[in-house]
Amino acid sequence: MAKRVKIEIKETIDELQALIKQETNAKKKERLQLLYLLQSDQVPTLEAIAIILGKNTATLYRWLKQYRQGGLSQCLDLYQPQGKPCLIPAEIIEKLKERLQNPEGFLGYQEIQEWLKNEHQLDVGYHVVYRVVRRVLRAKPKVPRPKSSKRNEAKAQAFKQDLGHQIQEAVTLWNQQSGELIKPKRIRFWCQDEARVGLKTVVGRVITLFGVKPTRAVQWSRRNFYIYGLFEPESGESFYCEFSHVNTECFQIFLHAFAKIYFEDLHVIQLDQASFHLSQNLTVPKNVILLFQPAHSPELNPAERVWEYVRSQLRWFNAQNLNELREKLDEIYAKLTQELIASLTGWRHILDALSLARS
């Protein structure tokens, strides 16, 4: 027959309840629960408590022995194995952390080894570097976002910072040149970009058990078409058209179709400096203003994020023909709600710029 535990617990039931609620460490919380169950006399035997906590009775006896010897503080004192000292000093780990904050990153753990050796005269093994980077700094290899080597960082930053003034200036110039007596109902800001979709399989990562090499079927057909898209970051509204090519003629048709549907408003459209966007043969509709972002800076256009989402939904989808691909795209468009598009494209600097431009 199990015996009742004889131990004097100094803390009250209310104190133990409060400590359990405040404690974030799971191991310490188990010890507090042991004391609470004994103090409240709900479960008087250690055998029953061991079943509740999923612990061995010997473990519970050890916890209570610690409590008898040094009270609650000693009972909650968790054993921390010392282990071997790290071969990379703490101050160098901090410098490595600063270096890893650079988006350029390192190409691999061997490059970090060379950096430690050249910059800090520290020659350590591969496994040491791996352990520090992965376990201490919580860093790991990632797929970098491509960035053009021709990108002008200063111009890109200036475009983001001055977007509100650029919209104001563009609208002011439009008012001067248009000579319109009736002002449009609203001034709306859109982001425009084109995406190529086709039968070639969009690949991506899949999850399998350790040691299992994933395999998926792919196809290499080059048949494709282009989607021209406009997205409003403020409302999440969108406008799509499908074309066979990216050229001035198709872009002209796209702009006029858009301007005809949204004829009551004035539209400022951010887009890249593709040659067919800049063509002298392009006739811009009266209620449209084209605002060009700096060259080689696609990351400034939130429309790219919408196309990333579309391609993520097409991963490993093998359409038998273009009509089947169009059906799949229709399903994806249905998921692209205004709320989702607004979350993808409603960047803070754009929304702030719109507030400034309308003030």
Foldseek 3Di string as FASTA:
>chain_A
DFDFDDDDAPDALVRLVVCLVPDPDPVLNLLSVLVNCCRVVVDGGLVVSCVVSVHDSVVNVVLVVLCVVPNSVSSSDDDDDPDDDQLDDPVVLVVVLVVCVPLVHDPDLVRVQVCCCVVPVRHDDSVSSVCCVCPVVVDDDDDHDDFDPPDDPVQQVCCLQCVLVVVLVLVVVLCVPVVDPDAFPEEFEKEKDKDKDDQFAQADDDDDDPPDDDDADTDDDPDIWMKIKIAGLVQLDMDIDIGRDDALVVVLVVQVVVCVVVVRAAYEYEYEPDPSVVDPPRDHDSRYHYDYGDHRCPVSGLVVQVVVQLSVQRHSPRDPHVVSVVVSVVVVVVVSDSVNSNVSGVDPSVVVSNVSNVD
